[in-house]
Amino acid sequence: MSTQIGDSRWNLQSQLEHLQMKYVGTGHADTNKFEWAVNQHRDTAASIIGHHSLLGFTSVVENESIERTRVQLLESMLQPCGKPLAKDD
């Protein structure tokens, strides 16, 4: 019984590591708060752009055209949370 639990933990850990290598937004052990927030903002903007009904709703709320809203979301994906923090090496 205990070997099954150990095997399932190892399998789960290897699956998680595989997902983290495959998809950027899933994070990893060294992901800091800023990188996580950037991924969240970019994923949200990409989802809004990809779903036409969400894009239409957002454009109505902001009282802008759909194309202008799409362009603004694309531009916001460059630096969604401002400039990155200076790294201490």
C-alpha atoms as a PDB file:
ATOM      1  CA  MET A   1       0.000   0.000   0.000  1.00  0.00           C
ATOM      2  CA  SER A   2       2.769   2.465   0.926  1.00  0.00           C
ATOM      3  CA  THR A   3       4.619   1.779  -2.341  1.00  0.00           C
ATOM      4  CA  GLN A   4       1.488   2.655  -4.295  1.00  0.00           C
ATOM      5  CA  ILE A   5       1.289   6.023  -2.530  1.00  0.00           C
ATOM      6  CA  GLY A   6       4.970   6.657  -3.152  1.00  0.00           C
ATOM      7  CA  ASP A   7       4.639   5.705  -6.812  1.00  0.00           C
ATOM      8  CA  SER A   8       1.600   7.919  -7.298  1.00  0.00           C
ATOM      9  CA  ARG A   9       3.400  10.880  -5.682  1.00  0.00           C
ATOM     10  CA  TRP A  10       6.396  10.389  -7.978  1.00  0.00           C
ATOM     11  CA  ASN A  11       4.091  10.067 -10.999  1.00  0.00           C
ATOM     12  CA  LEU A  12       2.170  13.203 -10.018  1.00  0.00           C
ATOM     13  CA  GLN A  13       5.416  15.139  -9.512  1.00  0.00           C
ATOM     14  CA  SER A  14       6.780  14.053 -12.889  1.00  0.00           C
ATOM     15  CA  GLN A  15       3.510  15.051 -14.587  1.00  0.00           C
ATOM     16  CA  LEU A  16       3.652  18.463 -12.913  1.00  0.00           C
ATOM     17  CA  GLU A  17       7.255  18.991 -14.018  1.00  0.00           C
ATOM     18  CA  HIS A  18       6.304  17.993 -17.568  1.00  0.00           C
ATOM     19  CA  LEU A  19       3.440  20.520 -17.629  1.00  0.00           C
ATOM     20  CA  GLN A  20       5.690  23.243 -16.234  1.00  0.00           C
ATOM     21  CA  MET A  21       8.228  22.631 -18.988  1.00  0.00           C
ATOM     22  CA  LYS A  22       5.568  22.478 -21.705  1.00  0.00           C
ATOM     23  CA  TYR A  23       3.452  25.500 -20.754  1.00  0.00           C
ATOM     24  CA  VAL A  24       5.006  28.812 -19.686  1.00  0.00           C
ATOM     25  CA  GLY A  25       2.048  30.024 -17.610  1.00  0.00           C
ATOM     26  CA  THR A  26       2.005  27.091 -15.188  1.00  0.00           C
ATOM     27  CA  GLY A  27       5.000  28.449 -13.291  1.00  0.00           C
ATOM     28  CA  HIS A  28       7.740  26.576 -11.487  1.00  0.00           C
ATOM     29  CA  ALA A  29       9.479  26.615  -8.130  1.00  0.00           C
ATOM     30  CA  ASP A  30      11.458  29.775  -8.976  1.00  0.00           C
ATOM     31  CA  THR A  31       8.507  31.817 -10.295  1.00  0.00           C
ATOM     32  CA  ASN A  32       8.275  35.086  -8.419  1.00  0.00           C
ATOM     33  CA  LYS A  33       5.165  37.166  -7.779  1.00  0.00           C
ATOM     34  CA  PHE A  34       5.839  39.540 -10.676  1.00  0.00           C
ATOM     35  CA  GLU A  35       6.262  36.757 -13.251  1.00  0.00           C
ATOM     36  CA  TRP A  36       3.106  35.065 -11.989  1.00  0.00           C
ATOM     37  CA  ALA A  37       1.113  38.317 -12.298  1.00  0.00           C
ATOM     38  CA  VAL A  38       2.454  38.920 -15.825  1.00  0.00           C
ATOM     39  CA  ASN A  39       1.372  35.409 -16.870  1.00  0.00           C
ATOM     40  CA  GLN A  40      -2.093  35.954 -15.364  1.00  0.00           C
ATOM     41  CA  HIS A  41      -2.586  39.295 -17.130  1.00  0.00           C
ATOM     42  CA  ARG A  42      -1.371  37.943 -20.484  1.00  0.00           C
ATOM     43  CA  ASP A  43      -3.543  34.837 -20.224  1.00  0.00           C
ATOM     44  CA  THR A  44      -6.592  36.959 -19.401  1.00  0.00           C
ATOM     45  CA  ALA A  45      -5.979  39.346 -22.308  1.00  0.00           C
ATOM     46  CA  ALA A  46      -5.386  36.441 -24.700  1.00  0.00           C
ATOM     47  CA  SER A  47      -8.608  34.788 -23.561  1.00  0.00           C
ATOM     48  CA  ILE A  48     -10.612  37.983 -24.064  1.00  0.00           C
ATOM     49  CA  ILE A  49      -9.125  38.455 -27.544  1.00  0.00           C
ATOM     50  CA  GLY A  50      -9.727  34.817 -28.450  1.00  0.00           C
ATOM     51  CA  HIS A  51     -13.397  34.751 -27.422  1.00  0.00           C
ATOM     52  CA  HIS A  52     -15.336  37.172 -29.609  1.00  0.00           C
ATOM     53  CA  SER A  53     -18.261  37.436 -27.183  1.00  0.00           C
ATOM     54  CA  LEU A  54     -15.915  38.480 -24.344  1.00  0.00           C
ATOM     55  CA  LEU A  55     -14.228  40.963 -26.642  1.00  0.00           C
ATOM     56  CA  GLY A  56     -17.612  42.406 -27.619  1.00  0.00           C
ATOM     57  CA  PHE A  57     -18.688  42.642 -23.985  1.00  0.00           C
ATOM     58  CA  THR A  58     -15.434  44.367 -23.010  1.00  0.00           C
ATOM     59  CA  SER A  59     -15.750  46.838 -25.871  1.00  0.00           C
ATOM     60  CA  VAL A  60     -19.320  47.706 -24.850  1.00  0.00           C
ATOM     61  CA  VAL A  61     -18.272  48.211 -21.238  1.00  0.00           C
ATOM     62  CA  GLU A  62     -15.388  50.478 -22.268  1.00  0.00           C
ATOM     63  CA  ASN A  63     -17.538  52.238 -24.927  1.00  0.00           C
ATOM     64  CA  GLU A  64     -14.925  51.520 -27.618  1.00  0.00           C
ATOM     65  CA  SER A  65     -15.010  49.671 -30.922  1.00  0.00           C
ATOM     66  CA  ILE A  66     -14.172  45.973 -30.922  1.00  0.00           C
ATOM     67  CA  GLU A  67     -11.030  46.509 -32.987  1.00  0.00           C
ATOM     68  CA  ARG A  68      -9.765  49.317 -30.761  1.00  0.00           C
ATOM     69  CA  THR A  69     -10.336  47.163 -27.672  1.00  0.00           C
ATOM     70  CA  ARG A  70      -8.474  44.266 -29.325  1.00  0.00           C
ATOM     71  CA  VAL A  71      -5.517  46.499 -30.198  1.00  0.00           C
ATOM     72  CA  GLN A  72      -5.409  47.933 -26.665  1.00  0.00           C
ATOM     73  CA  LEU A  73      -5.386  44.426 -25.192  1.00  0.00           C
ATOM     74  CA  LEU A  74      -2.608  43.371 -27.563  1.00  0.00           C
ATOM     75  CA  GLU A  75      -0.547  46.416 -26.591  1.00  0.00           C
ATOM     76  CA  SER A  76      -1.141  45.761 -22.899  1.00  0.00           C
ATOM     77  CA  MET A  77       0.336  42.275 -23.306  1.00  0.00           C
ATOM     78  CA  LEU A  78       3.820  43.743 -23.857  1.00  0.00           C
ATOM     79  CA  GLN A  79       4.256  44.892 -20.261  1.00  0.00           C
ATOM     80  CA  PRO A  80       0.988  44.169 -18.461  1.00  0.00           C
ATOM     81  CA  CYS A  81       2.378  44.829 -14.979  1.00  0.00           C
ATOM     82  CA  GLY A  82       4.883  47.558 -15.751  1.00  0.00           C
ATOM     83  CA  LYS A  83       8.628  47.223 -16.004  1.00  0.00           C
ATOM     84  CA  PRO A  84      10.235  44.142 -14.437  1.00  0.00           C
ATOM     85  CA  LEU A  85      11.967  44.495 -11.134  1.00  0.00           C
ATOM     86  CA  ALA A  86      15.738  44.805 -11.018  1.00  0.00           C
ATOM     87  CA  LYS A  87      17.327  41.460 -10.206  1.00  0.00           C
ATOM     88  CA  ASP A  88      19.951  41.195  -7.489  1.00  0.00           C
ATOM     89  CA  ASP A  89      22.724  38.892  -8.664  1.00  0.00           C
END
